[in-house]
Amino acid sequence: GVFVYRLDGAFHCFADCQHAAGFMTTDAGRAHERGRRGYQAAQKKYAESLKGSWTIETYASALAAQGVEEPPVLPEKKIVRMVANGGPIETPRPDDGAEAFMRGVELLENDRIVFFRPKKNGGL
């Protein structure tokens, strides 16, 4: 069987498999395919006959006649990230750069920063 969901993602039902079997003969398979193609052709012809006759107003009135109200509001999606070690992830907080600048100034004052020459002047 299969699980059936609505277009809005809500679970609708479970549909059992009525007859899990193939065709016993090639002729039976061909007859089924002819019927399927005929059905598809009829659906296509019907759709062509409706082309241009559906406006947003007629569609809305058809939905209202079926009792379909406003579509449900879907919950906001959350971003999920995989964590290799299973520990919590520290979410980066917005930073205006002031803390990093102050750390840099502190390192400069303590002579803990090594300056490199720019690449154009023979540096790395």
N, C-alpha and C. Protein backbone atom coordinates (compact mmCIF):
# COMPACT_ATOMS: atom_id res chain seq x y z
N GLY A 1 0.82 -1.18 0.00
CA GLY A 1 0.00 0.00 0.00
C GLY A 1 0.86 1.25 0.00
N VAL A 2 0.18 2.37 -0.05
CA VAL A 2 0.88 3.65 -0.07
C VAL A 2 0.24 4.60 0.93
N PHE A 3 1.04 5.55 1.42
CA PHE A 3 0.54 6.61 2.26
C PHE A 3 0.14 7.77 1.37
N VAL A 4 -1.04 8.34 1.60
CA VAL A 4 -1.56 9.42 0.77
C VAL A 4 -1.56 10.70 1.59
N TYR A 5 -0.99 11.76 0.99
CA TYR A 5 -0.91 13.06 1.64
C TYR A 5 -1.64 14.10 0.80
N ARG A 6 -2.20 15.12 1.46
CA ARG A 6 -2.85 16.21 0.74
C ARG A 6 -1.78 17.14 0.19
N LEU A 7 -2.19 18.09 -0.64
CA LEU A 7 -1.24 19.03 -1.23
C LEU A 7 -0.59 19.91 -0.18
N ASP A 8 -1.27 20.13 0.94
CA ASP A 8 -0.68 20.97 1.99
C ASP A 8 0.25 20.17 2.90
N GLY A 9 0.46 18.88 2.61
CA GLY A 9 1.40 18.06 3.35
C GLY A 9 0.80 17.28 4.50
N ALA A 10 -0.50 17.45 4.76
CA ALA A 10 -1.15 16.73 5.85
C ALA A 10 -1.44 15.28 5.42
N PHE A 11 -1.28 14.35 6.35
CA PHE A 11 -1.56 12.94 6.07
C PHE A 11 -3.05 12.76 5.81
N HIS A 12 -3.39 12.03 4.75
CA HIS A 12 -4.79 11.81 4.40
C HIS A 12 -5.23 10.39 4.79
N CYS A 13 -4.53 9.38 4.27
CA CYS A 13 -4.92 8.00 4.58
C CYS A 13 -3.85 7.04 4.09
N PHE A 14 -4.07 5.78 4.38
CA PHE A 14 -3.23 4.70 3.84
C PHE A 14 -4.09 3.92 2.86
N ALA A 15 -3.62 3.77 1.64
CA ALA A 15 -4.37 3.06 0.61
C ALA A 15 -3.77 1.66 0.45
N ASP A 16 -4.60 0.65 0.73
CA ASP A 16 -4.15 -0.73 0.58
C ASP A 16 -4.03 -1.11 -0.89
N CYS A 17 -3.12 -2.02 -1.17
CA CYS A 17 -2.97 -2.56 -2.52
C CYS A 17 -4.11 -3.56 -2.73
N GLN A 18 -4.95 -3.34 -3.74
CA GLN A 18 -6.11 -4.20 -3.97
C GLN A 18 -5.73 -5.50 -4.68
N HIS A 19 -4.82 -5.41 -5.61
CA HIS A 19 -4.47 -6.60 -6.38
C HIS A 19 -3.02 -6.49 -6.82
N ALA A 20 -2.12 -7.15 -6.12
CA ALA A 20 -0.69 -7.08 -6.42
C ALA A 20 -0.31 -8.17 -7.40
N ALA A 21 -0.57 -7.94 -8.68
CA ALA A 21 -0.24 -8.95 -9.69
C ALA A 21 0.00 -8.27 -11.02
N GLY A 22 0.76 -8.89 -11.87
CA GLY A 22 1.02 -8.38 -13.20
C GLY A 22 0.04 -8.99 -14.20
N PHE A 23 0.37 -8.90 -15.46
CA PHE A 23 -0.48 -9.47 -16.51
C PHE A 23 0.01 -10.87 -16.82
N MET A 24 -0.94 -11.78 -17.01
CA MET A 24 -0.58 -13.17 -17.29
C MET A 24 -0.14 -13.37 -18.74
N THR A 25 -0.69 -12.53 -19.63
CA THR A 25 -0.33 -12.67 -21.05
C THR A 25 0.06 -11.30 -21.61
N THR A 26 0.75 -11.35 -22.72
CA THR A 26 1.13 -10.12 -23.40
C THR A 26 -0.09 -9.40 -23.92
N ASP A 27 -1.08 -10.16 -24.40
CA ASP A 27 -2.30 -9.54 -24.93
C ASP A 27 -3.05 -8.75 -23.84
N ALA A 28 -3.07 -9.28 -22.64
CA ALA A 28 -3.74 -8.58 -21.54
C ALA A 28 -3.02 -7.27 -21.23
N GLY A 29 -1.71 -7.28 -21.26
CA GLY A 29 -0.93 -6.07 -21.03
C GLY A 29 -1.16 -5.04 -22.13
N ARG A 30 -1.22 -5.51 -23.37
CA ARG A 30 -1.47 -4.60 -24.50
C ARG A 30 -2.87 -4.00 -24.41
N ALA A 31 -3.86 -4.81 -24.05
CA ALA A 31 -5.23 -4.31 -23.93
C ALA A 31 -5.31 -3.25 -22.83
N HIS A 32 -4.62 -3.50 -21.73
CA HIS A 32 -4.60 -2.52 -20.65
C HIS A 32 -3.96 -1.21 -21.12
N GLU A 33 -2.85 -1.32 -21.85
CA GLU A 33 -2.16 -0.12 -22.34
C GLU A 33 -3.03 0.65 -23.32
N ARG A 34 -3.76 -0.04 -24.18
CA ARG A 34 -4.68 0.64 -25.11
C ARG A 34 -5.75 1.39 -24.34
N GLY A 35 -6.30 0.77 -23.31
CA GLY A 35 -7.31 1.43 -22.49
C GLY A 35 -6.74 2.63 -21.75
N ARG A 36 -5.52 2.50 -21.27
CA ARG A 36 -4.88 3.60 -20.55
C ARG A 36 -4.62 4.77 -21.50
N ARG A 37 -4.14 4.46 -22.71
CA ARG A 37 -3.90 5.53 -23.68
C ARG A 37 -5.20 6.22 -24.08
N GLY A 38 -6.27 5.44 -24.23
CA GLY A 38 -7.56 6.02 -24.55
C GLY A 38 -8.05 6.94 -23.45
N TYR A 39 -7.87 6.52 -22.21
CA TYR A 39 -8.26 7.34 -21.06
C TYR A 39 -7.47 8.65 -21.06
N GLN A 40 -6.15 8.56 -21.27
CA GLN A 40 -5.32 9.76 -21.28
C GLN A 40 -5.72 10.70 -22.42
N ALA A 41 -6.04 10.14 -23.58
CA ALA A 41 -6.45 10.97 -24.72
C ALA A 41 -7.76 11.69 -24.39
N ALA A 42 -8.69 10.99 -23.75
CA ALA A 42 -9.97 11.60 -23.38
C ALA A 42 -9.76 12.71 -22.36
N GLN A 43 -8.86 12.50 -21.39
CA GLN A 43 -8.56 13.53 -20.39
C GLN A 43 -7.93 14.76 -21.04
N LYS A 44 -7.04 14.52 -22.01
CA LYS A 44 -6.39 15.63 -22.70
C LYS A 44 -7.41 16.42 -23.51
N LYS A 45 -8.32 15.71 -24.19
CA LYS A 45 -9.35 16.37 -24.99
C LYS A 45 -10.26 17.20 -24.09
N TYR A 46 -10.62 16.66 -22.93
CA TYR A 46 -11.47 17.38 -21.98
C TYR A 46 -10.76 18.63 -21.46
N ALA A 47 -9.47 18.50 -21.16
CA ALA A 47 -8.70 19.64 -20.66
C ALA A 47 -8.61 20.73 -21.72
N GLU A 48 -8.44 20.32 -22.98
CA GLU A 48 -8.39 21.30 -24.07
C GLU A 48 -9.72 22.03 -24.21
N SER A 49 -10.83 21.31 -23.97
CA SER A 49 -12.14 21.95 -24.09
C SER A 49 -12.37 22.97 -22.97
N LEU A 50 -11.71 22.79 -21.84
CA LEU A 50 -11.86 23.72 -20.72
C LEU A 50 -10.90 24.90 -20.80
N LYS A 51 -9.91 24.82 -21.68
CA LYS A 51 -8.87 25.84 -21.74
C LYS A 51 -9.49 27.22 -21.97
N GLY A 52 -9.11 28.15 -21.13
CA GLY A 52 -9.59 29.52 -21.26
C GLY A 52 -10.89 29.80 -20.53
N SER A 53 -11.61 28.76 -20.11
CA SER A 53 -12.89 28.99 -19.44
C SER A 53 -12.75 29.16 -17.94
N TRP A 54 -11.60 28.80 -17.39
CA TRP A 54 -11.39 28.91 -15.95
C TRP A 54 -10.68 30.22 -15.64
N THR A 55 -11.32 31.04 -14.86
CA THR A 55 -10.68 32.24 -14.34
C THR A 55 -10.45 32.01 -12.85
N ILE A 56 -9.78 32.91 -12.22
CA ILE A 56 -9.52 32.77 -10.78
C ILE A 56 -10.84 32.81 -10.01
N GLU A 57 -11.81 33.58 -10.51
CA GLU A 57 -13.10 33.68 -9.82
C GLU A 57 -13.87 32.36 -9.92
N THR A 58 -13.87 31.72 -11.13
CA THR A 58 -14.59 30.45 -11.27
C THR A 58 -13.92 29.36 -10.45
N TYR A 59 -12.59 29.39 -10.40
CA TYR A 59 -11.87 28.40 -9.60
C TYR A 59 -12.18 28.59 -8.12
N ALA A 60 -12.19 29.83 -7.65
CA ALA A 60 -12.48 30.11 -6.24
C ALA A 60 -13.91 29.70 -5.90
N SER A 61 -14.86 29.95 -6.81
CA SER A 61 -16.24 29.55 -6.53
C SER A 61 -16.39 28.03 -6.53
N ALA A 62 -15.63 27.33 -7.40
CA ALA A 62 -15.67 25.86 -7.41
C ALA A 62 -15.12 25.30 -6.11
N LEU A 63 -14.04 25.90 -5.61
CA LEU A 63 -13.48 25.45 -4.33
C LEU A 63 -14.45 25.73 -3.19
N ALA A 64 -15.09 26.89 -3.21
CA ALA A 64 -16.05 27.22 -2.16
C ALA A 64 -17.24 26.27 -2.20
N ALA A 65 -17.66 25.85 -3.40
CA ALA A 65 -18.78 24.92 -3.53
C ALA A 65 -18.42 23.55 -2.95
N GLN A 66 -17.15 23.19 -3.00
CA GLN A 66 -16.70 21.90 -2.45
C GLN A 66 -16.46 22.00 -0.95
N GLY A 67 -16.55 23.18 -0.39
CA GLY A 67 -16.32 23.34 1.04
C GLY A 67 -14.88 23.58 1.40
N VAL A 68 -14.03 23.86 0.40
CA VAL A 68 -12.63 24.13 0.67
C VAL A 68 -12.48 25.59 1.06
N GLU A 69 -11.96 25.82 2.24
CA GLU A 69 -11.76 27.19 2.70
C GLU A 69 -10.34 27.62 2.39
N GLU A 70 -9.90 28.62 3.07
CA GLU A 70 -8.53 29.10 2.88
C GLU A 70 -7.55 27.97 3.16
N PRO A 71 -6.48 27.88 2.39
CA PRO A 71 -5.49 26.83 2.66
C PRO A 71 -4.86 27.03 4.03
N PRO A 72 -4.53 25.96 4.72
CA PRO A 72 -3.93 26.10 6.05
C PRO A 72 -2.55 26.74 5.94
N VAL A 73 -2.18 27.47 6.98
CA VAL A 73 -0.87 28.11 7.02
C VAL A 73 0.15 27.05 7.43
N LEU A 74 1.16 26.87 6.59
CA LEU A 74 2.18 25.89 6.89
C LEU A 74 3.13 26.43 7.95
N PRO A 75 3.62 25.56 8.83
CA PRO A 75 4.56 26.04 9.85
C PRO A 75 5.86 26.50 9.20
N GLU A 76 6.51 27.44 9.86
CA GLU A 76 7.76 27.95 9.33
C GLU A 76 8.82 26.86 9.38
N LYS A 77 9.55 26.72 8.29
CA LYS A 77 10.57 25.67 8.24
C LYS A 77 11.78 26.08 9.06
N LYS A 78 12.35 25.10 9.75
CA LYS A 78 13.54 25.35 10.53
C LYS A 78 14.73 24.75 9.80
N ILE A 79 15.86 25.40 9.90
CA ILE A 79 17.06 24.89 9.27
C ILE A 79 17.69 23.87 10.20
N VAL A 80 17.94 22.69 9.67
CA VAL A 80 18.52 21.61 10.45
C VAL A 80 19.90 21.31 9.88
N ARG A 81 20.89 21.26 10.79
CA ARG A 81 22.24 20.93 10.36
C ARG A 81 22.70 19.67 11.07
N MET A 82 23.46 18.83 10.36
CA MET A 82 23.98 17.62 10.96
C MET A 82 25.20 17.97 11.81
N VAL A 83 25.30 17.36 12.96
CA VAL A 83 26.43 17.56 13.85
C VAL A 83 27.16 16.24 13.96
N ALA A 84 28.45 16.23 13.63
CA ALA A 84 29.21 14.98 13.59
C ALA A 84 29.34 14.34 14.96
N ASN A 85 29.60 15.13 16.00
CA ASN A 85 29.81 14.53 17.31
C ASN A 85 28.54 14.49 18.16
N GLY A 86 27.46 15.01 17.66
CA GLY A 86 26.19 14.97 18.38
C GLY A 86 26.03 16.03 19.44
N GLY A 87 27.01 16.90 19.61
CA GLY A 87 26.91 17.95 20.61
C GLY A 87 26.10 19.14 20.10
N PRO A 88 25.74 20.03 21.00
CA PRO A 88 24.97 21.20 20.57
C PRO A 88 25.82 22.15 19.74
N ILE A 89 25.16 22.85 18.85
CA ILE A 89 25.85 23.80 18.00
C ILE A 89 25.66 25.19 18.59
N GLU A 90 26.74 25.91 18.70
CA GLU A 90 26.63 27.30 19.17
C GLU A 90 26.24 28.15 17.97
N THR A 91 25.11 28.79 18.09
CA THR A 91 24.64 29.61 16.98
C THR A 91 25.42 30.90 16.95
N PRO A 92 25.97 31.24 15.79
CA PRO A 92 26.71 32.50 15.74
C PRO A 92 25.77 33.68 15.94
N ARG A 93 26.20 34.60 16.76
CA ARG A 93 25.36 35.77 17.00
C ARG A 93 25.88 36.91 16.13
N PRO A 94 24.99 37.82 15.79
CA PRO A 94 25.43 38.94 14.96
C PRO A 94 26.51 39.74 15.68
N ASP A 95 27.53 40.09 14.95
CA ASP A 95 28.66 40.79 15.55
C ASP A 95 29.00 41.97 14.66
N ASP A 96 29.17 43.12 15.26
CA ASP A 96 29.51 44.30 14.46
C ASP A 96 31.03 44.43 14.28
N GLY A 97 31.78 43.50 14.82
CA GLY A 97 33.23 43.50 14.64
C GLY A 97 33.98 44.19 15.76
N ALA A 98 33.26 44.79 16.72
CA ALA A 98 33.93 45.53 17.79
C ALA A 98 34.75 44.60 18.67
N GLU A 99 34.21 43.43 19.00
CA GLU A 99 34.94 42.50 19.87
C GLU A 99 36.21 42.01 19.19
N ALA A 100 36.13 41.68 17.93
CA ALA A 100 37.31 41.20 17.21
C ALA A 100 38.36 42.31 17.11
N PHE A 101 37.91 43.52 16.89
CA PHE A 101 38.83 44.65 16.82
C PHE A 101 39.55 44.84 18.16
N MET A 102 38.79 44.75 19.25
CA MET A 102 39.40 44.92 20.57
C MET A 102 40.41 43.81 20.87
N ARG A 103 40.10 42.58 20.46
CA ARG A 103 41.06 41.48 20.65
C ARG A 103 42.33 41.75 19.85
N GLY A 104 42.15 42.26 18.64
CA GLY A 104 43.32 42.59 17.81
C GLY A 104 44.17 43.67 18.42
N VAL A 105 43.54 44.70 18.97
CA VAL A 105 44.28 45.78 19.63
C VAL A 105 45.03 45.25 20.84
N GLU A 106 44.38 44.38 21.60
CA GLU A 106 45.02 43.79 22.79
C GLU A 106 46.24 42.97 22.38
N LEU A 107 46.14 42.19 21.31
CA LEU A 107 47.27 41.39 20.84
C LEU A 107 48.40 42.29 20.36
N LEU A 108 48.04 43.40 19.70
CA LEU A 108 49.07 44.34 19.25
C LEU A 108 49.81 44.94 20.43
N GLU A 109 49.09 45.32 21.48
CA GLU A 109 49.70 45.93 22.65
C GLU A 109 50.65 44.96 23.36
N ASN A 110 50.35 43.67 23.32
CA ASN A 110 51.18 42.67 24.01
C ASN A 110 52.24 42.07 23.09
N ASP A 111 52.42 42.67 21.91
CA ASP A 111 53.42 42.20 20.93
C ASP A 111 53.25 40.72 20.61
N ARG A 112 52.02 40.30 20.48
CA ARG A 112 51.77 38.89 20.18
C ARG A 112 51.36 38.68 18.73
N ILE A 113 51.43 39.72 17.90
CA ILE A 113 51.08 39.59 16.50
C ILE A 113 52.34 39.70 15.67
N VAL A 114 52.52 38.77 14.72
CA VAL A 114 53.66 38.81 13.82
C VAL A 114 53.15 39.37 12.50
N PHE A 115 53.76 40.44 12.04
CA PHE A 115 53.36 41.07 10.79
C PHE A 115 54.07 40.39 9.62
N PHE A 116 53.35 40.14 8.56
CA PHE A 116 53.92 39.56 7.35
C PHE A 116 53.95 40.62 6.27
N ARG A 117 54.97 40.52 5.44
CA ARG A 117 55.04 41.44 4.32
C ARG A 117 53.99 41.06 3.29
N PRO A 118 53.45 42.04 2.57
CA PRO A 118 52.50 41.72 1.51
C PRO A 118 53.17 40.86 0.44
N LYS A 119 52.40 40.09 -0.26
CA LYS A 119 52.91 39.16 -1.26
C LYS A 119 53.68 39.90 -2.35
N LYS A 120 53.22 41.08 -2.72
CA LYS A 120 53.90 41.83 -3.80
C LYS A 120 55.29 42.30 -3.37
N ASN A 121 55.55 42.35 -2.06
CA ASN A 121 56.86 42.77 -1.56
C ASN A 121 57.69 41.56 -1.14
N GLY A 122 57.39 40.39 -1.66
CA GLY A 122 58.19 39.21 -1.37
C GLY A 122 57.69 38.41 -0.18
N GLY A 123 56.53 38.72 0.33
CA GLY A 123 56.00 37.98 1.46
C GLY A 123 55.30 36.70 1.02
N LEU A 124 54.71 36.03 1.98
CA LEU A 124 54.02 34.78 1.70
C LEU A 124 52.82 35.11 0.89
